[in-house]
Amino acid sequence: MTLQTLCHHYLTCHYKKVTRNTLFISVTLSVDKMTYYLVLLGVVVSLCLLDKTVTGQNAVTIPGFRGTAHRVSSGDVTIVDTHTVRIKNFHYDGSAPDVYFWVGRGRPSRNGKQIPDERGVSDKLNGYNGKDIELALPNDISVKDIDYISVWCKRYGTNFGHVTIPKNLNVPVYRRAG
């Protein structure tokens, strides 16, 4: 069947992708050539403006936190995009005096930087008992800029557990609303 024949019949175009957000487009094109081209143009423009999942980049899941103290552990960690990290089944006993989520290059050290918790606040961490959380990295930090996310005690300069961020990630670029 040629393209010309298809233009003379009803043509249905489906795009379906099930990932973080579900996307489903169904367009019925009529026999009128002008309508055909306008709708086709609309579909192309829509796909260009849609969610980052259309780019072919996907979230990356890596092994969870390896704890060294205070029962820090987690299930898998998913790097959703360049600024969003989901941590499954996160545990920390909450008993250390000055503990925060911490990111940096190399190995966890005092040279890292504190990031907000899942509520977006910079208070010391309380206990977690198997909670699923999502961390949003600050605007000036991307997962491509860091080698780890740590549970870090500022007072004692100690890493209680961390996850290593792989190099050369191919994850969607986060686009802040507005």
N, C-alpha and C. Protein backbone atom coordinates (compact mmCIF):
# COMPACT_ATOMS: atom_id res chain seq x y z
N MET A 1 0.85 -1.18 0.00
CA MET A 1 0.00 0.00 0.00
C MET A 1 0.89 1.23 0.00
N THR A 2 0.62 2.18 -0.88
CA THR A 2 1.45 3.37 -0.99
C THR A 2 0.95 4.45 -0.05
N LEU A 3 1.79 5.46 0.15
CA LEU A 3 1.42 6.59 0.98
C LEU A 3 0.20 7.30 0.41
N GLN A 4 0.15 7.39 -0.91
CA GLN A 4 -1.00 8.04 -1.55
C GLN A 4 -2.30 7.29 -1.24
N THR A 5 -2.24 5.97 -1.26
CA THR A 5 -3.43 5.17 -0.93
C THR A 5 -3.83 5.39 0.52
N LEU A 6 -2.83 5.44 1.39
CA LEU A 6 -3.13 5.67 2.80
C LEU A 6 -3.79 7.02 3.02
N CYS A 7 -3.37 8.02 2.26
CA CYS A 7 -3.95 9.36 2.39
C CYS A 7 -5.42 9.36 1.98
N HIS A 8 -5.84 8.42 1.21
CA HIS A 8 -7.21 8.36 0.77
C HIS A 8 -8.10 7.54 1.71
N HIS A 9 -7.54 7.01 2.71
CA HIS A 9 -8.28 6.25 3.70
C HIS A 9 -8.05 6.89 5.06
N TYR A 10 -8.75 6.43 6.05
CA TYR A 10 -8.49 6.90 7.40
C TYR A 10 -7.22 6.24 7.89
N LEU A 11 -6.35 7.06 8.44
CA LEU A 11 -5.07 6.55 8.91
C LEU A 11 -5.01 6.83 10.40
N THR A 12 -4.68 5.84 11.17
CA THR A 12 -4.55 6.01 12.61
C THR A 12 -3.08 5.87 12.98
N CYS A 13 -2.59 6.84 13.70
CA CYS A 13 -1.19 6.84 14.12
C CYS A 13 -1.18 6.74 15.64
N HIS A 14 -0.47 5.76 16.18
CA HIS A 14 -0.40 5.57 17.62
C HIS A 14 1.04 5.75 18.11
N TYR A 15 1.18 6.44 19.20
CA TYR A 15 2.47 6.52 19.87
C TYR A 15 2.20 6.15 21.31
N LYS A 16 2.87 5.15 21.81
CA LYS A 16 2.63 4.72 23.18
C LYS A 16 3.96 4.48 23.86
N LYS A 17 4.14 5.04 25.02
CA LYS A 17 5.34 4.80 25.79
C LYS A 17 4.93 4.77 27.25
N VAL A 18 5.25 3.73 27.94
CA VAL A 18 4.90 3.62 29.35
C VAL A 18 6.20 3.67 30.14
N THR A 19 6.42 4.76 30.82
CA THR A 19 7.58 4.91 31.69
C THR A 19 7.09 5.68 32.91
N ARG A 20 7.85 6.67 33.34
CA ARG A 20 7.47 7.46 34.50
C ARG A 20 6.09 8.07 34.30
N ASN A 21 5.86 8.64 33.16
CA ASN A 21 4.54 9.16 32.81
C ASN A 21 4.04 8.32 31.65
N THR A 22 2.74 8.13 31.58
CA THR A 22 2.21 7.35 30.48
C THR A 22 1.75 8.31 29.40
N LEU A 23 2.15 8.00 28.19
CA LEU A 23 1.84 8.85 27.06
C LEU A 23 1.13 8.01 26.02
N PHE A 24 0.01 8.50 25.53
CA PHE A 24 -0.69 7.79 24.48
C PHE A 24 -1.31 8.83 23.56
N ILE A 25 -0.95 8.77 22.29
CA ILE A 25 -1.49 9.70 21.31
C ILE A 25 -2.19 8.87 20.25
N SER A 26 -3.38 9.24 19.93
CA SER A 26 -4.08 8.57 18.85
C SER A 26 -4.66 9.66 17.96
N VAL A 27 -4.28 9.65 16.69
CA VAL A 27 -4.72 10.69 15.76
C VAL A 27 -5.36 10.02 14.57
N THR A 28 -6.54 10.46 14.21
CA THR A 28 -7.18 9.95 13.00
C THR A 28 -7.08 11.03 11.94
N LEU A 29 -6.50 10.67 10.81
CA LEU A 29 -6.29 11.62 9.74
C LEU A 29 -7.38 11.43 8.69
N SER A 30 -7.91 12.52 8.19
CA SER A 30 -8.98 12.43 7.21
C SER A 30 -8.42 12.42 5.79
N VAL A 31 -9.33 12.27 4.80
CA VAL A 31 -8.92 12.20 3.42
C VAL A 31 -8.43 13.54 2.88
N ASP A 32 -8.85 14.60 3.46
CA ASP A 32 -8.45 15.93 3.00
C ASP A 32 -6.94 16.10 3.21
N LYS A 33 -6.20 16.39 2.14
CA LYS A 33 -4.75 16.49 2.21
C LYS A 33 -4.28 17.60 3.16
N MET A 34 -4.95 18.73 3.15
CA MET A 34 -4.57 19.84 4.03
C MET A 34 -4.73 19.42 5.49
N THR A 35 -5.84 18.77 5.79
CA THR A 35 -6.06 18.29 7.15
C THR A 35 -4.96 17.29 7.53
N TYR A 36 -4.64 16.41 6.60
CA TYR A 36 -3.60 15.41 6.82
C TYR A 36 -2.30 16.09 7.24
N TYR A 37 -1.86 17.08 6.48
CA TYR A 37 -0.58 17.73 6.77
C TYR A 37 -0.64 18.56 8.05
N LEU A 38 -1.75 19.20 8.32
CA LEU A 38 -1.88 19.98 9.55
C LEU A 38 -1.85 19.07 10.78
N VAL A 39 -2.55 17.96 10.70
CA VAL A 39 -2.55 17.04 11.83
C VAL A 39 -1.17 16.42 12.00
N LEU A 40 -0.54 16.03 10.91
CA LEU A 40 0.81 15.47 10.98
C LEU A 40 1.78 16.47 11.60
N LEU A 41 1.69 17.72 11.19
CA LEU A 41 2.53 18.76 11.76
C LEU A 41 2.25 18.89 13.26
N GLY A 42 0.98 18.84 13.63
CA GLY A 42 0.60 18.92 15.05
C GLY A 42 1.19 17.79 15.86
N VAL A 43 1.18 16.59 15.31
CA VAL A 43 1.74 15.43 16.01
C VAL A 43 3.24 15.60 16.18
N VAL A 44 3.94 16.03 15.15
CA VAL A 44 5.38 16.23 15.23
C VAL A 44 5.72 17.29 16.27
N VAL A 45 5.03 18.41 16.25
CA VAL A 45 5.27 19.47 17.22
C VAL A 45 4.97 18.98 18.62
N SER A 46 3.87 18.26 18.80
CA SER A 46 3.51 17.72 20.12
C SER A 46 4.59 16.80 20.65
N LEU A 47 5.08 15.91 19.81
CA LEU A 47 6.12 14.99 20.26
C LEU A 47 7.39 15.72 20.65
N CYS A 48 7.70 16.80 19.97
CA CYS A 48 8.88 17.58 20.30
C CYS A 48 8.73 18.30 21.64
N LEU A 49 7.52 18.64 22.03
CA LEU A 49 7.29 19.39 23.25
C LEU A 49 6.95 18.52 24.44
N LEU A 50 6.77 17.24 24.21
CA LEU A 50 6.32 16.35 25.28
C LEU A 50 7.41 16.06 26.29
N ASP A 51 7.02 15.27 27.25
CA ASP A 51 7.89 14.85 28.33
C ASP A 51 9.21 14.29 27.83
N LYS A 52 10.22 14.36 28.68
CA LYS A 52 11.56 13.92 28.33
C LYS A 52 11.64 12.45 27.95
N THR A 53 10.65 11.63 28.31
CA THR A 53 10.71 10.20 27.99
C THR A 53 10.71 9.97 26.49
N VAL A 54 10.29 10.93 25.69
CA VAL A 54 10.26 10.78 24.24
C VAL A 54 11.68 10.78 23.66
N THR A 55 12.66 11.31 24.38
CA THR A 55 14.01 11.42 23.86
C THR A 55 14.73 10.08 23.75
N GLY A 56 14.17 9.04 24.33
CA GLY A 56 14.82 7.75 24.30
C GLY A 56 15.71 7.54 25.51
N GLN A 57 15.89 8.57 26.31
CA GLN A 57 16.67 8.43 27.53
C GLN A 57 15.73 7.91 28.62
N ASN A 58 16.24 7.04 29.46
CA ASN A 58 15.42 6.47 30.52
C ASN A 58 16.12 6.62 31.85
N ALA A 59 15.33 6.48 32.90
CA ALA A 59 15.88 6.46 34.24
C ALA A 59 16.86 5.29 34.36
N VAL A 60 17.82 5.42 35.27
CA VAL A 60 18.82 4.37 35.50
C VAL A 60 18.70 3.91 36.94
N THR A 61 18.58 2.60 37.14
CA THR A 61 18.49 2.03 38.48
C THR A 61 19.82 1.38 38.84
N ILE A 62 20.30 1.71 40.06
CA ILE A 62 21.59 1.21 40.52
C ILE A 62 21.40 0.57 41.90
N PRO A 63 22.36 -0.23 42.35
CA PRO A 63 22.26 -0.82 43.70
C PRO A 63 22.19 0.27 44.76
N GLY A 64 21.53 -0.05 45.86
CA GLY A 64 21.26 0.92 46.92
C GLY A 64 22.44 1.30 47.79
N PHE A 65 22.12 2.04 48.86
CA PHE A 65 23.12 2.52 49.82
C PHE A 65 23.84 1.37 50.48
N ARG A 66 25.15 1.51 50.59
CA ARG A 66 25.99 0.58 51.35
C ARG A 66 26.29 1.30 52.66
N GLY A 67 25.77 0.77 53.75
CA GLY A 67 25.93 1.42 55.03
C GLY A 67 27.17 0.99 55.77
N THR A 68 27.72 1.91 56.55
CA THR A 68 28.86 1.61 57.41
C THR A 68 28.53 1.85 58.87
N ALA A 69 27.45 2.57 59.15
CA ALA A 69 27.08 2.87 60.53
C ALA A 69 25.61 3.30 60.60
N HIS A 70 25.06 3.26 61.78
CA HIS A 70 23.71 3.74 62.08
C HIS A 70 22.63 3.11 61.19
N ARG A 71 22.85 1.86 60.83
CA ARG A 71 21.88 1.05 60.06
C ARG A 71 21.45 1.72 58.74
N VAL A 72 22.36 2.43 58.10
CA VAL A 72 22.05 3.04 56.81
C VAL A 72 22.02 1.93 55.75
N SER A 73 20.91 1.89 55.01
CA SER A 73 20.77 0.94 53.91
C SER A 73 19.59 1.38 53.06
N SER A 74 19.46 0.77 51.90
CA SER A 74 18.30 1.04 51.05
C SER A 74 18.15 -0.07 50.03
N GLY A 75 17.02 -0.04 49.37
CA GLY A 75 16.82 -0.87 48.19
C GLY A 75 17.46 -0.15 47.03
N ASP A 76 17.01 -0.47 45.84
CA ASP A 76 17.57 0.17 44.64
C ASP A 76 17.38 1.68 44.66
N VAL A 77 18.31 2.35 43.99
CA VAL A 77 18.26 3.79 43.82
C VAL A 77 18.04 4.04 42.33
N THR A 78 17.07 4.89 42.00
CA THR A 78 16.78 5.20 40.61
C THR A 78 17.12 6.65 40.33
N ILE A 79 17.98 6.84 39.34
CA ILE A 79 18.30 8.20 38.90
C ILE A 79 17.30 8.51 37.80
N VAL A 80 16.29 9.29 38.16
CA VAL A 80 15.16 9.57 37.28
C VAL A 80 15.57 10.51 36.15
N ASP A 81 16.30 11.55 36.52
CA ASP A 81 16.80 12.53 35.55
C ASP A 81 18.01 13.21 36.17
N THR A 82 18.51 14.25 35.56
CA THR A 82 19.75 14.88 36.02
C THR A 82 19.66 15.53 37.40
N HIS A 83 18.44 15.72 37.92
CA HIS A 83 18.30 16.36 39.22
C HIS A 83 17.37 15.61 40.18
N THR A 84 16.95 14.40 39.85
CA THR A 84 16.00 13.68 40.69
C THR A 84 16.49 12.26 40.94
N VAL A 85 16.54 11.88 42.24
CA VAL A 85 16.99 10.56 42.64
C VAL A 85 15.95 9.95 43.58
N ARG A 86 15.48 8.76 43.24
CA ARG A 86 14.52 8.03 44.09
C ARG A 86 15.25 6.92 44.83
N ILE A 87 15.00 6.85 46.12
CA ILE A 87 15.62 5.84 46.96
C ILE A 87 14.51 4.98 47.56
N LYS A 88 14.57 3.69 47.30
CA LYS A 88 13.57 2.75 47.81
C LYS A 88 14.01 2.20 49.16
N ASN A 89 13.05 2.05 50.06
CA ASN A 89 13.27 1.32 51.31
C ASN A 89 14.47 1.87 52.09
N PHE A 90 14.51 3.19 52.28
CA PHE A 90 15.66 3.83 52.94
C PHE A 90 15.58 3.66 54.45
N HIS A 91 16.73 3.31 55.04
CA HIS A 91 16.84 3.13 56.49
C HIS A 91 18.00 3.97 57.04
N TYR A 92 17.73 4.60 58.18
CA TYR A 92 18.77 5.27 58.95
C TYR A 92 18.20 5.39 60.36
N ASP A 93 18.98 5.04 61.38
CA ASP A 93 18.41 4.98 62.74
C ASP A 93 18.14 6.35 63.37
N GLY A 94 18.68 7.43 62.82
CA GLY A 94 18.36 8.78 63.30
C GLY A 94 19.07 9.20 64.57
N SER A 95 20.03 8.41 65.06
CA SER A 95 20.61 8.71 66.36
C SER A 95 21.88 9.57 66.34
N ALA A 96 22.43 9.86 65.18
CA ALA A 96 23.64 10.68 65.12
C ALA A 96 23.26 12.17 65.22
N PRO A 97 24.18 13.00 65.71
CA PRO A 97 23.82 14.38 66.04
C PRO A 97 23.71 15.39 64.89
N ASP A 98 24.39 15.16 63.78
CA ASP A 98 24.51 16.23 62.79
C ASP A 98 24.60 15.63 61.39
N VAL A 99 23.54 14.91 60.96
CA VAL A 99 23.59 14.09 59.75
C VAL A 99 22.71 14.66 58.64
N TYR A 100 23.25 14.62 57.41
CA TYR A 100 22.57 15.19 56.25
C TYR A 100 22.82 14.32 55.02
N PHE A 101 22.02 14.53 53.98
CA PHE A 101 22.36 13.98 52.68
C PHE A 101 23.48 14.85 52.13
N TRP A 102 24.47 14.22 51.50
CA TRP A 102 25.71 14.87 51.15
C TRP A 102 26.15 14.37 49.77
N VAL A 103 26.62 15.22 48.91
CA VAL A 103 27.07 14.81 47.57
C VAL A 103 28.45 15.39 47.30
N GLY A 104 29.16 14.75 46.36
CA GLY A 104 30.46 15.29 45.99
C GLY A 104 31.16 14.41 44.98
N ARG A 105 32.42 14.76 44.75
CA ARG A 105 33.26 14.02 43.80
C ARG A 105 34.22 13.12 44.59
N GLY A 106 34.68 12.06 43.92
CA GLY A 106 35.61 11.13 44.57
C GLY A 106 34.88 10.29 45.59
N ARG A 107 35.49 10.15 46.75
CA ARG A 107 34.88 9.40 47.85
C ARG A 107 34.22 10.38 48.81
N PRO A 108 33.22 9.92 49.59
CA PRO A 108 32.60 10.82 50.56
C PRO A 108 33.65 11.44 51.49
N SER A 109 33.58 12.78 51.59
CA SER A 109 34.55 13.51 52.42
C SER A 109 33.96 14.86 52.82
N ARG A 110 34.70 15.57 53.65
CA ARG A 110 34.30 16.92 54.07
C ARG A 110 34.18 17.88 52.89
N ASN A 111 34.79 17.54 51.77
CA ASN A 111 34.75 18.41 50.58
C ASN A 111 33.41 18.36 49.85
N GLY A 112 32.50 17.50 50.29
CA GLY A 112 31.19 17.40 49.66
C GLY A 112 30.31 18.58 50.00
N LYS A 113 29.06 18.46 49.62
CA LYS A 113 28.11 19.54 49.84
C LYS A 113 26.78 18.95 50.32
N GLN A 114 26.20 19.61 51.28
CA GLN A 114 24.89 19.19 51.82
C GLN A 114 23.81 19.47 50.79
N ILE A 115 22.84 18.55 50.68
CA ILE A 115 21.66 18.76 49.83
C ILE A 115 20.41 18.60 50.68
N PRO A 116 19.29 19.16 50.24
CA PRO A 116 18.05 19.04 51.01
C PRO A 116 17.55 17.59 51.05
N ASP A 117 16.75 17.31 52.07
CA ASP A 117 16.13 16.00 52.17
C ASP A 117 14.93 15.90 51.23
N GLU A 118 14.15 14.85 51.35
CA GLU A 118 13.01 14.63 50.45
C GLU A 118 11.91 15.67 50.60
N ARG A 119 11.92 16.43 51.70
CA ARG A 119 10.94 17.51 51.88
C ARG A 119 11.44 18.83 51.33
N GLY A 120 12.70 18.83 50.86
CA GLY A 120 13.29 20.06 50.33
C GLY A 120 13.86 20.95 51.40
N VAL A 121 14.05 20.44 52.60
CA VAL A 121 14.60 21.23 53.71
C VAL A 121 15.99 20.72 54.07
N SER A 122 16.75 21.58 54.73
CA SER A 122 18.14 21.25 55.06
C SER A 122 18.32 20.94 56.53
N ASP A 123 17.27 20.49 57.21
CA ASP A 123 17.37 20.09 58.61
C ASP A 123 18.15 18.78 58.72
N LYS A 124 18.69 18.52 59.91
CA LYS A 124 19.38 17.24 60.12
C LYS A 124 18.39 16.11 59.89
N LEU A 125 18.91 14.96 59.45
CA LEU A 125 18.05 13.83 59.15
C LEU A 125 17.54 13.17 60.42
N ASN A 126 16.26 12.85 60.41
CA ASN A 126 15.67 12.04 61.47
C ASN A 126 15.73 10.59 61.01
N GLY A 127 15.18 9.70 61.79
CA GLY A 127 15.21 8.29 61.43
C GLY A 127 14.30 7.96 60.26
N TYR A 128 14.69 6.94 59.51
CA TYR A 128 13.90 6.41 58.39
C TYR A 128 13.82 4.91 58.60
N ASN A 129 12.63 4.37 58.40
CA ASN A 129 12.46 2.94 58.56
C ASN A 129 11.78 2.34 57.33
N GLY A 130 12.54 2.19 56.27
CA GLY A 130 12.01 1.60 55.04
C GLY A 130 11.18 2.55 54.20
N LYS A 131 11.48 3.82 54.28
CA LYS A 131 10.71 4.82 53.55
C LYS A 131 11.24 4.99 52.12
N ASP A 132 10.32 5.13 51.16
CA ASP A 132 10.67 5.48 49.79
C ASP A 132 10.74 7.00 49.71
N ILE A 133 11.88 7.53 49.27
CA ILE A 133 12.04 8.98 49.22
C ILE A 133 12.55 9.41 47.84
N GLU A 134 12.37 10.69 47.55
CA GLU A 134 12.86 11.27 46.31
C GLU A 134 13.61 12.54 46.65
N LEU A 135 14.88 12.58 46.25
CA LEU A 135 15.70 13.77 46.49
C LEU A 135 15.79 14.59 45.21
N ALA A 136 15.63 15.90 45.36
CA ALA A 136 15.77 16.84 44.25
C ALA A 136 17.09 17.59 44.46
N LEU A 137 18.02 17.40 43.55
CA LEU A 137 19.30 18.10 43.66
C LEU A 137 19.10 19.59 43.39
N PRO A 138 19.87 20.44 44.05
CA PRO A 138 19.78 21.89 43.80
C PRO A 138 20.10 22.22 42.34
N ASN A 139 19.67 23.39 41.90
CA ASN A 139 19.88 23.82 40.51
C ASN A 139 21.33 23.74 40.06
N ASP A 140 22.27 24.04 40.97
CA ASP A 140 23.68 24.10 40.59
C ASP A 140 24.40 22.75 40.65
N ILE A 141 23.66 21.66 40.94
CA ILE A 141 24.26 20.33 41.02
C ILE A 141 23.45 19.36 40.18
N SER A 142 24.13 18.62 39.33
CA SER A 142 23.51 17.60 38.50
C SER A 142 24.11 16.24 38.88
N VAL A 143 23.41 15.15 38.61
CA VAL A 143 24.00 13.83 38.88
C VAL A 143 25.27 13.62 38.08
N LYS A 144 25.43 14.37 37.00
CA LYS A 144 26.64 14.25 36.18
C LYS A 144 27.83 14.95 36.84
N ASP A 145 27.56 15.77 37.88
CA ASP A 145 28.61 16.50 38.59
C ASP A 145 29.09 15.79 39.84
N ILE A 146 28.46 14.68 40.21
CA ILE A 146 28.77 14.04 41.49
C ILE A 146 29.14 12.57 41.28
N ASP A 147 29.87 12.03 42.26
CA ASP A 147 30.25 10.62 42.25
C ASP A 147 29.52 9.81 43.31
N TYR A 148 28.89 10.50 44.27
CA TYR A 148 28.21 9.77 45.35
C TYR A 148 27.10 10.62 45.96
N ILE A 149 26.21 9.92 46.63
CA ILE A 149 25.25 10.54 47.57
C ILE A 149 25.48 9.80 48.88
N SER A 150 25.69 10.55 49.93
CA SER A 150 26.08 9.97 51.21
C SER A 150 25.12 10.40 52.32
N VAL A 151 25.11 9.61 53.39
CA VAL A 151 24.50 10.03 54.65
C VAL A 151 25.71 10.41 55.50
N TRP A 152 25.89 11.71 55.70
CA TRP A 152 27.14 12.27 56.23
C TRP A 152 26.92 12.98 57.56
N CYS A 153 27.79 12.72 58.51
CA CYS A 153 27.77 13.42 59.79
C CYS A 153 28.79 14.55 59.74
N LYS A 154 28.29 15.79 59.76
CA LYS A 154 29.18 16.95 59.69
C LYS A 154 30.05 17.05 60.94
N ARG A 155 29.46 16.84 62.10
CA ARG A 155 30.20 17.02 63.35
C ARG A 155 31.44 16.13 63.41
N TYR A 156 31.30 14.87 63.00
CA TYR A 156 32.41 13.93 63.09
C TYR A 156 33.11 13.67 61.75
N GLY A 157 32.63 14.30 60.68
CA GLY A 157 33.24 14.10 59.38
C GLY A 157 33.23 12.64 58.95
N THR A 158 32.05 12.00 59.13
CA THR A 158 31.97 10.56 58.91
C THR A 158 30.86 10.20 57.92
N ASN A 159 31.19 9.29 57.04
CA ASN A 159 30.23 8.73 56.09
C ASN A 159 29.55 7.53 56.74
N PHE A 160 28.23 7.58 56.88
CA PHE A 160 27.49 6.46 57.46
C PHE A 160 26.99 5.48 56.40
N GLY A 161 27.12 5.85 55.16
CA GLY A 161 26.70 4.99 54.06
C GLY A 161 26.51 5.84 52.82
N HIS A 162 26.70 5.22 51.65
CA HIS A 162 26.58 6.01 50.42
C HIS A 162 26.22 5.11 49.26
N VAL A 163 25.86 5.76 48.17
CA VAL A 163 25.63 5.10 46.89
C VAL A 163 26.56 5.78 45.89
N THR A 164 27.17 4.98 45.04
CA THR A 164 28.07 5.52 44.02
C THR A 164 27.28 5.79 42.74
N ILE A 165 27.43 6.99 42.21
CA ILE A 165 26.75 7.39 40.97
C ILE A 165 27.65 6.99 39.80
N PRO A 166 27.12 6.21 38.86
CA PRO A 166 27.94 5.79 37.72
C PRO A 166 28.35 6.97 36.83
N LYS A 167 29.46 6.81 36.15
CA LYS A 167 29.92 7.82 35.18
C LYS A 167 29.11 7.69 33.89
N ASN A 168 29.13 8.74 33.10
CA ASN A 168 28.52 8.75 31.76
C ASN A 168 27.06 8.31 31.75
N LEU A 169 26.29 8.81 32.69
CA LEU A 169 24.86 8.50 32.71
C LEU A 169 24.16 9.10 31.51
N ASN A 170 23.22 8.36 30.97
CA ASN A 170 22.40 8.87 29.88
C ASN A 170 20.96 8.93 30.39
N VAL A 171 20.70 9.91 31.24
CA VAL A 171 19.36 10.08 31.80
C VAL A 171 18.75 11.37 31.25
N PRO A 172 17.44 11.47 31.30
CA PRO A 172 16.79 12.70 30.80
C PRO A 172 17.28 13.94 31.55
N VAL A 173 17.31 15.05 30.86
CA VAL A 173 17.65 16.33 31.48
C VAL A 173 16.39 16.84 32.17
N TYR A 174 16.55 17.21 33.43
CA TYR A 174 15.42 17.72 34.19
C TYR A 174 15.09 19.13 33.73
N ARG A 175 13.81 19.38 33.50
CA ARG A 175 13.35 20.72 33.11
C ARG A 175 12.40 21.21 34.18
N ARG A 176 12.83 22.20 34.93
CA ARG A 176 11.97 22.76 35.98
C ARG A 176 10.78 23.47 35.36
N ALA A 177 9.64 23.32 36.00
CA ALA A 177 8.42 23.99 35.50
C ALA A 177 8.58 25.49 35.61
N GLY A 178 8.00 26.19 34.66
CA GLY A 178 7.98 27.65 34.72
C GLY A 178 9.08 28.20 34.00
